[in-house]
Amino acid sequence: MKLEQLQILKCRTVGDGADVNELANLKLGWEGEIQMDMMIDCAIRGRNCIHMKDYRFAVNGEVQIDNVLIAGDRIFTFEVKKYNFDLIYSDEVWTFTNGEKFKKSDAAGVTAE
């Protein structure tokens, strides 16, 4: 919803730098979700699975899950991010390819620790 709101505002006004940056990040995220949707749909084609996209429900406010996949007696959830950099996962820590530790704020343009 936020992506749609910012796209409408972009057509009507000149947004400040923060709005333009947020719009670009949200658009990348949306593109990543679409790509993941297609990958999951392709992988489960012909199988007895249920794929729910952009699933929203209320628990102390609204909760949204990008993808929920139900296969037999298992449920898989996927939260999709589309970053413009490479990350390596090891020992429960994400790092940049240069070895610096990644933290969530890095995705918004803040430098690594």
N, C-alpha and C. Protein backbone atom coordinates (compact mmCIF):
# COMPACT_ATOMS: atom_id res chain seq x y z
N MET A 1 0.82 -1.19 0.00
CA MET A 1 0.00 0.00 0.00
C MET A 1 0.87 1.26 0.00
N LYS A 2 1.94 1.22 0.77
CA LYS A 2 2.82 2.39 0.84
C LYS A 2 3.42 2.69 -0.53
N LEU A 3 3.80 1.64 -1.27
CA LEU A 3 4.36 1.81 -2.62
C LEU A 3 3.34 2.53 -3.50
N GLU A 4 2.09 2.09 -3.48
CA GLU A 4 1.06 2.72 -4.30
C GLU A 4 0.86 4.18 -3.90
N GLN A 5 0.85 4.45 -2.60
CA GLN A 5 0.67 5.83 -2.14
C GLN A 5 1.80 6.73 -2.63
N LEU A 6 3.04 6.26 -2.52
CA LEU A 6 4.17 7.07 -2.96
C LEU A 6 4.18 7.25 -4.47
N GLN A 7 3.75 6.23 -5.22
CA GLN A 7 3.69 6.38 -6.68
C GLN A 7 2.66 7.44 -7.07
N ILE A 8 1.53 7.47 -6.38
CA ILE A 8 0.51 8.48 -6.65
C ILE A 8 1.04 9.87 -6.30
N LEU A 9 1.69 9.99 -5.14
CA LEU A 9 2.25 11.28 -4.74
C LEU A 9 3.31 11.76 -5.71
N LYS A 10 4.11 10.83 -6.23
CA LYS A 10 5.16 11.20 -7.18
C LYS A 10 4.55 11.86 -8.43
N CYS A 11 3.40 11.38 -8.85
CA CYS A 11 2.73 11.95 -10.03
C CYS A 11 2.15 13.32 -9.74
N ARG A 12 1.86 13.61 -8.47
CA ARG A 12 1.18 14.86 -8.12
C ARG A 12 2.10 15.93 -7.56
N THR A 13 3.23 15.52 -6.98
CA THR A 13 4.12 16.49 -6.35
C THR A 13 5.57 16.09 -6.57
N VAL A 14 6.46 16.99 -6.23
CA VAL A 14 7.88 16.67 -6.22
C VAL A 14 8.21 16.24 -4.81
N GLY A 15 8.50 14.95 -4.61
CA GLY A 15 8.78 14.44 -3.28
C GLY A 15 10.15 14.86 -2.79
N ASP A 16 10.31 14.83 -1.47
CA ASP A 16 11.63 15.12 -0.93
C ASP A 16 12.53 13.91 -1.12
N GLY A 17 13.79 14.05 -0.80
CA GLY A 17 14.76 12.98 -1.01
C GLY A 17 14.39 11.69 -0.30
N ALA A 18 13.84 11.81 0.91
CA ALA A 18 13.46 10.62 1.68
C ALA A 18 12.34 9.86 0.99
N ASP A 19 11.34 10.59 0.46
CA ASP A 19 10.23 9.94 -0.24
C ASP A 19 10.71 9.24 -1.51
N VAL A 20 11.59 9.90 -2.25
CA VAL A 20 12.11 9.33 -3.49
C VAL A 20 12.91 8.06 -3.18
N ASN A 21 13.72 8.11 -2.13
CA ASN A 21 14.52 6.96 -1.72
C ASN A 21 13.63 5.81 -1.25
N GLU A 22 12.61 6.14 -0.45
CA GLU A 22 11.70 5.11 0.04
C GLU A 22 10.93 4.48 -1.11
N LEU A 23 10.51 5.30 -2.09
CA LEU A 23 9.80 4.78 -3.26
C LEU A 23 10.69 3.80 -4.02
N ALA A 24 11.94 4.16 -4.23
CA ALA A 24 12.87 3.27 -4.95
C ALA A 24 13.06 1.96 -4.20
N ASN A 25 13.22 2.02 -2.87
CA ASN A 25 13.40 0.80 -2.08
C ASN A 25 12.15 -0.07 -2.09
N LEU A 26 10.97 0.56 -1.96
CA LEU A 26 9.73 -0.21 -2.00
C LEU A 26 9.51 -0.85 -3.36
N LYS A 27 9.87 -0.14 -4.42
CA LYS A 27 9.72 -0.69 -5.77
C LYS A 27 10.62 -1.91 -5.95
N LEU A 28 11.86 -1.82 -5.47
CA LEU A 28 12.77 -2.98 -5.54
C LEU A 28 12.19 -4.16 -4.76
N GLY A 29 11.64 -3.89 -3.58
CA GLY A 29 11.03 -4.95 -2.78
C GLY A 29 9.87 -5.60 -3.49
N TRP A 30 9.02 -4.78 -4.11
CA TRP A 30 7.87 -5.31 -4.85
C TRP A 30 8.34 -6.18 -6.02
N GLU A 31 9.37 -5.71 -6.74
CA GLU A 31 9.91 -6.49 -7.86
C GLU A 31 10.46 -7.82 -7.36
N GLY A 32 11.14 -7.81 -6.21
CA GLY A 32 11.66 -9.05 -5.63
C GLY A 32 10.55 -10.01 -5.26
N GLU A 33 9.46 -9.48 -4.70
CA GLU A 33 8.32 -10.34 -4.34
C GLU A 33 7.71 -10.97 -5.58
N ILE A 34 7.57 -10.21 -6.66
CA ILE A 34 7.01 -10.75 -7.91
C ILE A 34 7.90 -11.88 -8.44
N GLN A 35 9.22 -11.67 -8.41
CA GLN A 35 10.15 -12.71 -8.87
C GLN A 35 10.03 -13.97 -8.02
N MET A 36 9.92 -13.79 -6.70
CA MET A 36 9.79 -14.95 -5.80
C MET A 36 8.47 -15.66 -6.06
N ASP A 37 7.39 -14.90 -6.25
CA ASP A 37 6.09 -15.51 -6.56
C ASP A 37 6.20 -16.42 -7.78
N MET A 38 6.85 -15.93 -8.83
CA MET A 38 6.98 -16.71 -10.06
C MET A 38 7.83 -17.96 -9.83
N MET A 39 8.89 -17.84 -9.05
CA MET A 39 9.75 -19.00 -8.76
C MET A 39 8.98 -20.07 -7.99
N ILE A 40 8.22 -19.64 -6.98
CA ILE A 40 7.44 -20.60 -6.19
C ILE A 40 6.36 -21.25 -7.06
N ASP A 41 5.63 -20.44 -7.82
CA ASP A 41 4.57 -20.97 -8.68
C ASP A 41 5.13 -22.00 -9.66
N CYS A 42 6.30 -21.73 -10.21
CA CYS A 42 6.93 -22.66 -11.14
C CYS A 42 7.33 -23.95 -10.42
N ALA A 43 7.89 -23.83 -9.24
CA ALA A 43 8.37 -25.00 -8.49
C ALA A 43 7.25 -25.91 -8.02
N ILE A 44 6.06 -25.35 -7.75
CA ILE A 44 4.97 -26.18 -7.22
C ILE A 44 3.96 -26.58 -8.28
N ARG A 45 4.17 -26.13 -9.52
CA ARG A 45 3.22 -26.46 -10.60
C ARG A 45 3.03 -27.98 -10.67
N GLY A 46 1.76 -28.40 -10.65
CA GLY A 46 1.44 -29.82 -10.74
C GLY A 46 1.53 -30.55 -9.41
N ARG A 47 1.84 -29.85 -8.35
CA ARG A 47 1.94 -30.48 -7.03
C ARG A 47 0.76 -30.04 -6.17
N ASN A 48 0.49 -30.81 -5.15
CA ASN A 48 -0.64 -30.51 -4.27
C ASN A 48 -0.19 -29.55 -3.17
N CYS A 49 -0.02 -28.27 -3.54
CA CYS A 49 0.44 -27.24 -2.61
C CYS A 49 -0.48 -26.02 -2.72
N ILE A 50 -0.48 -25.24 -1.67
CA ILE A 50 -1.22 -23.98 -1.67
C ILE A 50 -0.20 -22.85 -1.49
N HIS A 51 -0.26 -21.86 -2.36
CA HIS A 51 0.64 -20.70 -2.31
C HIS A 51 -0.21 -19.45 -2.10
N MET A 52 -0.05 -18.82 -0.94
CA MET A 52 -0.75 -17.57 -0.65
C MET A 52 0.26 -16.43 -0.73
N LYS A 53 -0.09 -15.39 -1.46
CA LYS A 53 0.80 -14.26 -1.68
C LYS A 53 0.31 -13.04 -0.91
N ASP A 54 1.24 -12.30 -0.32
CA ASP A 54 0.92 -11.07 0.39
C ASP A 54 -0.20 -11.32 1.41
N TYR A 55 -0.02 -12.32 2.23
CA TYR A 55 -1.03 -12.73 3.21
C TYR A 55 -1.05 -11.75 4.38
N ARG A 56 -2.22 -11.21 4.68
CA ARG A 56 -2.38 -10.23 5.76
C ARG A 56 -3.40 -10.74 6.77
N PHE A 57 -3.09 -10.54 8.05
CA PHE A 57 -4.01 -10.90 9.11
C PHE A 57 -3.78 -10.01 10.32
N ALA A 58 -4.74 -10.02 11.25
CA ALA A 58 -4.66 -9.12 12.41
C ALA A 58 -4.21 -9.88 13.66
N VAL A 59 -3.12 -9.42 14.25
CA VAL A 59 -2.63 -9.90 15.54
C VAL A 59 -1.98 -8.69 16.20
N ASN A 60 -2.69 -8.05 17.14
CA ASN A 60 -2.18 -6.80 17.74
C ASN A 60 -1.78 -5.82 16.64
N GLY A 61 -2.65 -5.61 15.69
CA GLY A 61 -2.36 -4.79 14.52
C GLY A 61 -2.26 -5.71 13.31
N GLU A 62 -1.91 -5.15 12.17
CA GLU A 62 -1.84 -5.95 10.95
C GLU A 62 -0.47 -6.60 10.79
N VAL A 63 -0.47 -7.86 10.37
CA VAL A 63 0.74 -8.60 10.06
C VAL A 63 0.66 -8.99 8.59
N GLN A 64 1.77 -8.91 7.89
CA GLN A 64 1.80 -9.27 6.47
C GLN A 64 2.97 -10.21 6.24
N ILE A 65 2.72 -11.30 5.52
CA ILE A 65 3.75 -12.25 5.13
C ILE A 65 3.78 -12.27 3.61
N ASP A 66 4.96 -12.11 3.03
CA ASP A 66 5.08 -12.05 1.58
C ASP A 66 4.55 -13.31 0.90
N ASN A 67 4.97 -14.48 1.37
CA ASN A 67 4.54 -15.75 0.78
C ASN A 67 4.34 -16.79 1.87
N VAL A 68 3.21 -17.51 1.78
CA VAL A 68 2.94 -18.65 2.64
C VAL A 68 2.74 -19.84 1.71
N LEU A 69 3.48 -20.90 1.94
CA LEU A 69 3.38 -22.10 1.13
C LEU A 69 2.96 -23.25 2.04
N ILE A 70 1.85 -23.89 1.71
CA ILE A 70 1.36 -25.03 2.48
C ILE A 70 1.54 -26.27 1.62
N ALA A 71 2.32 -27.21 2.13
CA ALA A 71 2.61 -28.45 1.40
C ALA A 71 2.43 -29.61 2.38
N GLY A 72 1.34 -30.32 2.21
CA GLY A 72 1.07 -31.43 3.12
C GLY A 72 0.86 -30.92 4.53
N ASP A 73 1.66 -31.44 5.48
CA ASP A 73 1.52 -31.02 6.87
C ASP A 73 2.57 -29.97 7.26
N ARG A 74 3.12 -29.28 6.27
CA ARG A 74 4.15 -28.26 6.53
C ARG A 74 3.71 -26.91 5.99
N ILE A 75 4.13 -25.87 6.71
CA ILE A 75 3.88 -24.50 6.29
C ILE A 75 5.22 -23.78 6.22
N PHE A 76 5.48 -23.14 5.09
CA PHE A 76 6.72 -22.38 4.89
C PHE A 76 6.34 -20.92 4.69
N THR A 77 7.07 -20.03 5.33
CA THR A 77 6.85 -18.60 5.12
C THR A 77 8.11 -18.00 4.52
N PHE A 78 7.91 -17.04 3.62
CA PHE A 78 9.03 -16.37 2.96
C PHE A 78 8.84 -14.87 3.07
N GLU A 79 9.82 -14.19 3.60
CA GLU A 79 9.85 -12.73 3.62
C GLU A 79 10.93 -12.33 2.62
N VAL A 80 10.54 -11.60 1.59
CA VAL A 80 11.43 -11.34 0.46
C VAL A 80 12.05 -9.95 0.59
N LYS A 81 13.35 -9.89 0.33
CA LYS A 81 14.08 -8.62 0.25
C LYS A 81 14.87 -8.62 -1.05
N LYS A 82 14.96 -7.49 -1.69
CA LYS A 82 15.74 -7.39 -2.92
C LYS A 82 16.79 -6.30 -2.70
N TYR A 83 17.93 -6.73 -2.24
CA TYR A 83 19.02 -5.80 -1.96
C TYR A 83 19.89 -5.63 -3.20
N ASN A 84 20.56 -4.50 -3.30
CA ASN A 84 21.45 -4.23 -4.42
C ASN A 84 22.91 -4.50 -4.06
N PHE A 85 23.14 -5.54 -3.28
CA PHE A 85 24.49 -5.91 -2.90
C PHE A 85 24.48 -7.39 -2.55
N ASP A 86 25.64 -7.99 -2.49
CA ASP A 86 25.77 -9.41 -2.20
C ASP A 86 26.01 -9.62 -0.71
N LEU A 87 25.35 -10.64 -0.15
CA LEU A 87 25.52 -11.00 1.25
C LEU A 87 25.92 -12.47 1.35
N ILE A 88 26.65 -12.79 2.39
CA ILE A 88 27.07 -14.17 2.66
C ILE A 88 26.51 -14.54 4.02
N TYR A 89 25.90 -15.73 4.13
CA TYR A 89 25.34 -16.19 5.40
C TYR A 89 26.21 -17.29 5.97
N SER A 90 26.66 -17.09 7.21
CA SER A 90 27.41 -18.13 7.90
C SER A 90 27.33 -17.89 9.40
N ASP A 91 27.28 -18.95 10.16
CA ASP A 91 27.25 -18.86 11.62
C ASP A 91 26.17 -17.91 12.13
N GLU A 92 24.98 -17.94 11.51
CA GLU A 92 23.85 -17.13 11.90
C GLU A 92 24.10 -15.63 11.76
N VAL A 93 25.06 -15.24 10.93
CA VAL A 93 25.39 -13.83 10.71
C VAL A 93 25.47 -13.58 9.21
N TRP A 94 24.89 -12.46 8.78
CA TRP A 94 25.01 -12.04 7.39
C TRP A 94 26.16 -11.05 7.30
N THR A 95 27.02 -11.24 6.29
CA THR A 95 28.13 -10.31 6.09
C THR A 95 28.17 -9.90 4.62
N PHE A 96 28.75 -8.70 4.39
CA PHE A 96 29.02 -8.28 3.02
C PHE A 96 30.16 -9.13 2.49
N THR A 97 30.37 -9.10 1.18
CA THR A 97 31.45 -9.90 0.60
C THR A 97 32.83 -9.47 1.09
N ASN A 98 32.95 -8.24 1.60
CA ASN A 98 34.23 -7.79 2.14
C ASN A 98 34.42 -8.20 3.61
N GLY A 99 33.43 -8.92 4.19
CA GLY A 99 33.54 -9.41 5.56
C GLY A 99 32.87 -8.55 6.61
N GLU A 100 32.43 -7.33 6.25
CA GLU A 100 31.77 -6.46 7.23
C GLU A 100 30.40 -7.02 7.58
N LYS A 101 30.02 -6.92 8.86
CA LYS A 101 28.74 -7.43 9.34
C LYS A 101 27.60 -6.59 8.76
N PHE A 102 26.54 -7.26 8.31
CA PHE A 102 25.34 -6.61 7.78
C PHE A 102 24.35 -6.42 8.91
N LYS A 103 23.69 -5.27 8.95
CA LYS A 103 22.57 -5.05 9.85
C LYS A 103 21.43 -4.45 9.05
N LYS A 104 20.20 -4.60 9.54
CA LYS A 104 19.02 -4.21 8.79
C LYS A 104 19.11 -2.78 8.26
N SER A 105 19.65 -1.85 9.02
CA SER A 105 19.68 -0.46 8.58
C SER A 105 20.57 -0.28 7.35
N ASP A 106 21.45 -1.24 7.04
CA ASP A 106 22.27 -1.16 5.84
C ASP A 106 21.41 -1.14 4.58
N ALA A 107 20.27 -1.79 4.63
CA ALA A 107 19.39 -1.85 3.47
C ALA A 107 18.82 -0.48 3.13
N ALA A 108 18.78 0.41 4.11
CA ALA A 108 18.26 1.76 3.88
C ALA A 108 19.36 2.74 3.53
N GLY A 109 20.56 2.23 3.30
CA GLY A 109 21.65 3.10 2.86
C GLY A 109 22.65 3.47 3.93
N VAL A 110 22.48 2.96 5.15
CA VAL A 110 23.43 3.23 6.22
C VAL A 110 24.60 2.29 6.07
N THR A 111 25.81 2.75 6.30
CA THR A 111 27.00 1.91 6.11
C THR A 111 27.06 0.82 7.17
N ALA A 112 27.82 -0.22 6.85
CA ALA A 112 27.97 -1.36 7.76
C ALA A 112 28.81 -0.98 8.96
N GLU A 113 28.72 -1.82 10.02
CA GLU A 113 29.50 -1.59 11.24
C GLU A 113 30.97 -1.73 10.97
